[in-house]
Amino acid sequence: MDIEDRYFKNISSRERALFEGAITMGALFHQFVGTPVNSESAETLEKSIKEAMELQPCIEEVEVKIDRELLEEAKSEFNYVSLNGDMLDIRVVSKYDDKKAVLRMEYIEDLKYPLMYVESIDE
């Protein structure tokens, strides 16, 4: 069975790059938010998130940064916190055929919200 012809023939390569990047961003957010983390484990968690999400179809690169200052500020007496969206700065590069999409999630202070958005996409 040709998956491309059967399930994706109704969208362009550009749309497919966006679709795959957005699916990965959503999966990343909802899979890892709530994970116990502290300053000592943050690097390992960043690497785990990156490597897991790069397994997704069409994903070329994932960059994950966990804000260490926020970890320290939120740390409980048990020496860890639950990861939340405010602590994440994520960049996902998705490519399909000759089209590349870059999706971001970062905490936007003015919005008081970890916003996911399309940073750039090939025309």
C-alpha atoms as a PDB file:
ATOM      1  CA  MET A   1       0.000   0.000   0.000  1.00  0.00           C
ATOM      2  CA  ASP A   2       1.300   3.445  -0.911  1.00  0.00           C
ATOM      3  CA  ILE A   3       0.558   5.522   2.182  1.00  0.00           C
ATOM      4  CA  GLU A   4       1.335   8.779   0.393  1.00  0.00           C
ATOM      5  CA  ASP A   5      -1.198   8.188  -2.383  1.00  0.00           C
ATOM      6  CA  ARG A   6      -3.835   6.784  -0.104  1.00  0.00           C
ATOM      7  CA  TYR A   7      -3.763   9.230   2.806  1.00  0.00           C
ATOM      8  CA  PHE A   8      -1.899  12.379   1.813  1.00  0.00           C
ATOM      9  CA  LYS A   9      -2.686  12.993  -1.853  1.00  0.00           C
ATOM     10  CA  ASN A  10      -5.102  15.780  -0.891  1.00  0.00           C
ATOM     11  CA  ILE A  11      -2.395  18.031   0.581  1.00  0.00           C
ATOM     12  CA  SER A  12       0.720  19.701  -0.809  1.00  0.00           C
ATOM     13  CA  SER A  13       4.304  18.971   0.254  1.00  0.00           C
ATOM     14  CA  ARG A  14       4.289  22.287   2.120  1.00  0.00           C
ATOM     15  CA  GLU A  15       1.152  21.315   4.016  1.00  0.00           C
ATOM     16  CA  ARG A  16       2.598  17.894   4.796  1.00  0.00           C
ATOM     17  CA  ALA A  17       5.744  19.461   6.268  1.00  0.00           C
ATOM     18  CA  LEU A  18       3.552  21.647   8.495  1.00  0.00           C
ATOM     19  CA  PHE A  19       1.307  18.729   9.443  1.00  0.00           C
ATOM     20  CA  GLU A  20       4.188  16.491  10.505  1.00  0.00           C
ATOM     21  CA  GLY A  21       5.891  19.283  12.462  1.00  0.00           C
ATOM     22  CA  ALA A  22       2.665  20.222  14.242  1.00  0.00           C
ATOM     23  CA  ILE A  23       1.871  16.612  15.136  1.00  0.00           C
ATOM     24  CA  THR A  24       5.352  16.263  16.609  1.00  0.00           C
ATOM     25  CA  MET A  25       5.080  19.518  18.555  1.00  0.00           C
ATOM     26  CA  GLY A  26       1.729  18.505  20.047  1.00  0.00           C
ATOM     27  CA  ALA A  27       2.958  15.015  20.902  1.00  0.00           C
ATOM     28  CA  LEU A  28       6.072  16.416  22.528  1.00  0.00           C
ATOM     29  CA  PHE A  29       4.114  18.873  24.654  1.00  0.00           C
ATOM     30  CA  HIS A  30       1.442  16.461  25.836  1.00  0.00           C
ATOM     31  CA  GLN A  31       3.787  13.529  26.334  1.00  0.00           C
ATOM     32  CA  PHE A  32       6.468  15.260  28.394  1.00  0.00           C
ATOM     33  CA  VAL A  33       4.717  18.045  30.330  1.00  0.00           C
ATOM     34  CA  GLY A  34       4.379  16.724  33.861  1.00  0.00           C
ATOM     35  CA  THR A  35       7.645  14.784  33.780  1.00  0.00           C
ATOM     36  CA  PRO A  36       9.589  15.057  37.052  1.00  0.00           C
ATOM     37  CA  VAL A  37      12.756  17.109  36.436  1.00  0.00           C
ATOM     38  CA  ASN A  38      15.443  19.053  38.268  1.00  0.00           C
ATOM     39  CA  SER A  39      18.589  20.907  37.263  1.00  0.00           C
ATOM     40  CA  GLU A  40      20.644  17.733  37.409  1.00  0.00           C
ATOM     41  CA  SER A  41      18.305  15.720  35.155  1.00  0.00           C
ATOM     42  CA  ALA A  42      17.301  18.495  32.724  1.00  0.00           C
ATOM     43  CA  GLU A  43      20.043  17.753  30.176  1.00  0.00           C
ATOM     44  CA  THR A  44      19.129  14.063  30.084  1.00  0.00           C
ATOM     45  CA  LEU A  45      15.436  14.920  29.639  1.00  0.00           C
ATOM     46  CA  GLU A  46      16.248  17.388  26.827  1.00  0.00           C
ATOM     47  CA  LYS A  47      18.212  14.675  25.037  1.00  0.00           C
ATOM     48  CA  SER A  48      15.471  12.077  25.555  1.00  0.00           C
ATOM     49  CA  ILE A  49      12.783  14.397  24.191  1.00  0.00           C
ATOM     50  CA  LYS A  50      14.951  15.305  21.197  1.00  0.00           C
ATOM     51  CA  GLU A  51      15.796  11.714  20.313  1.00  0.00           C
ATOM     52  CA  ALA A  52      12.225  10.473  20.734  1.00  0.00           C
ATOM     53  CA  MET A  53      10.674  13.220  18.628  1.00  0.00           C
ATOM     54  CA  GLU A  54      13.266  12.879  15.859  1.00  0.00           C
ATOM     55  CA  LEU A  55      11.880   9.377  15.275  1.00  0.00           C
ATOM     56  CA  GLN A  56       8.619  10.906  14.002  1.00  0.00           C
ATOM     57  CA  PRO A  57       8.039  10.925  10.209  1.00  0.00           C
ATOM     58  CA  CYS A  58       9.621  13.837   8.320  1.00  0.00           C
ATOM     59  CA  ILE A  59      11.354  15.324  11.370  1.00  0.00           C
ATOM     60  CA  GLU A  60      14.904  16.436  10.598  1.00  0.00           C
ATOM     61  CA  GLU A  61      15.841  18.108  13.846  1.00  0.00           C
ATOM     62  CA  VAL A  62      14.463  18.880  17.286  1.00  0.00           C
ATOM     63  CA  GLU A  63      16.035  21.337  19.715  1.00  0.00           C
ATOM     64  CA  VAL A  64      14.835  21.301  23.318  1.00  0.00           C
ATOM     65  CA  LYS A  65      15.892  23.714  26.020  1.00  0.00           C
ATOM     66  CA  ILE A  66      14.585  23.563  29.574  1.00  0.00           C
ATOM     67  CA  ASP A  67      14.946  26.828  31.488  1.00  0.00           C
ATOM     68  CA  ARG A  68      17.251  26.017  34.411  1.00  0.00           C
ATOM     69  CA  GLU A  69      16.402  29.240  36.250  1.00  0.00           C
ATOM     70  CA  LEU A  70      12.715  28.349  36.296  1.00  0.00           C
ATOM     71  CA  LEU A  71      13.589  24.867  37.524  1.00  0.00           C
ATOM     72  CA  GLU A  72      15.497  26.300  40.452  1.00  0.00           C
ATOM     73  CA  GLU A  73      12.751  28.827  41.261  1.00  0.00           C
ATOM     74  CA  ALA A  74      10.041  26.160  41.237  1.00  0.00           C
ATOM     75  CA  LYS A  75      12.027  23.414  42.992  1.00  0.00           C
ATOM     76  CA  SER A  76      10.271  21.862  45.955  1.00  0.00           C
ATOM     77  CA  GLU A  77      11.743  20.413  49.128  1.00  0.00           C
ATOM     78  CA  PHE A  78      11.885  17.102  47.233  1.00  0.00           C
ATOM     79  CA  ASN A  79      14.452  18.608  44.787  1.00  0.00           C
ATOM     80  CA  TYR A  80      12.317  18.341  41.644  1.00  0.00           C
ATOM     81  CA  VAL A  81       9.350  19.897  39.865  1.00  0.00           C
ATOM     82  CA  SER A  82       6.934  18.788  37.198  1.00  0.00           C
ATOM     83  CA  LEU A  83       7.964  20.079  33.800  1.00  0.00           C
ATOM     84  CA  ASN A  84       5.557  22.660  32.416  1.00  0.00           C
ATOM     85  CA  GLY A  85       5.232  24.542  29.152  1.00  0.00           C
ATOM     86  CA  ASP A  86       6.620  27.744  30.625  1.00  0.00           C
ATOM     87  CA  MET A  87       9.986  26.012  31.058  1.00  0.00           C
ATOM     88  CA  LEU A  88      10.308  24.850  27.441  1.00  0.00           C
ATOM     89  CA  ASP A  89      11.884  26.410  24.373  1.00  0.00           C
ATOM     90  CA  ILE A  90      11.436  24.007  21.468  1.00  0.00           C
ATOM     91  CA  ARG A  91      12.288  24.140  17.783  1.00  0.00           C
ATOM     92  CA  VAL A  92      11.129  21.402  15.390  1.00  0.00           C
ATOM     93  CA  VAL A  93      12.360  21.203  11.791  1.00  0.00           C
ATOM     94  CA  SER A  94      10.116  19.149   9.534  1.00  0.00           C
ATOM     95  CA  LYS A  95      10.826  18.400   5.881  1.00  0.00           C
ATOM     96  CA  TYR A  96       8.751  16.720   3.214  1.00  0.00           C
ATOM     97  CA  ASP A  97       9.981  16.549  -0.374  1.00  0.00           C
ATOM     98  CA  ASP A  98      11.609  19.940  -0.946  1.00  0.00           C
ATOM     99  CA  LYS A  99       9.558  21.855   1.662  1.00  0.00           C
ATOM    100  CA  LYS A 100      10.832  22.633   5.141  1.00  0.00           C
ATOM    101  CA  ALA A 101       8.830  23.968   8.091  1.00  0.00           C
ATOM    102  CA  VAL A 102      10.261  25.270  11.342  1.00  0.00           C
ATOM    103  CA  LEU A 103       7.872  25.214  14.283  1.00  0.00           C
ATOM    104  CA  ARG A 104       8.569  26.790  17.649  1.00  0.00           C
ATOM    105  CA  MET A 105       7.208  26.751  21.128  1.00  0.00           C
ATOM    106  CA  GLU A 106       8.420  29.299  23.603  1.00  0.00           C
ATOM    107  CA  TYR A 107       7.059  31.117  26.598  1.00  0.00           C
ATOM    108  CA  ILE A 108       5.867  34.566  25.528  1.00  0.00           C
ATOM    109  CA  GLU A 109       5.975  36.881  28.529  1.00  0.00           C
ATOM    110  CA  ASP A 110       3.459  39.371  27.058  1.00  0.00           C
ATOM    111  CA  LEU A 111       0.945  36.547  26.616  1.00  0.00           C
ATOM    112  CA  LYS A 112       1.899  34.680  29.811  1.00  0.00           C
ATOM    113  CA  TYR A 113       1.664  31.569  27.652  1.00  0.00           C
ATOM    114  CA  PRO A 114       3.901  28.930  26.011  1.00  0.00           C
ATOM    115  CA  LEU A 115       2.938  29.648  22.395  1.00  0.00           C
ATOM    116  CA  MET A 116       3.353  27.174  19.536  1.00  0.00           C
ATOM    117  CA  TYR A 117       3.753  28.815  16.137  1.00  0.00           C
ATOM    118  CA  VAL A 118       5.238  28.450  12.657  1.00  0.00           C
ATOM    119  CA  GLU A 119       8.585  30.223  12.701  1.00  0.00           C
ATOM    120  CA  SER A 120       9.201  29.742   8.982  1.00  0.00           C
ATOM    121  CA  ILE A 121       8.158  27.638   6.030  1.00  0.00           C
ATOM    122  CA  ASP A 122       9.338  27.258   2.464  1.00  0.00           C
ATOM    123  CA  GLU A 123       7.052  28.870  -0.100  1.00  0.00           C
END
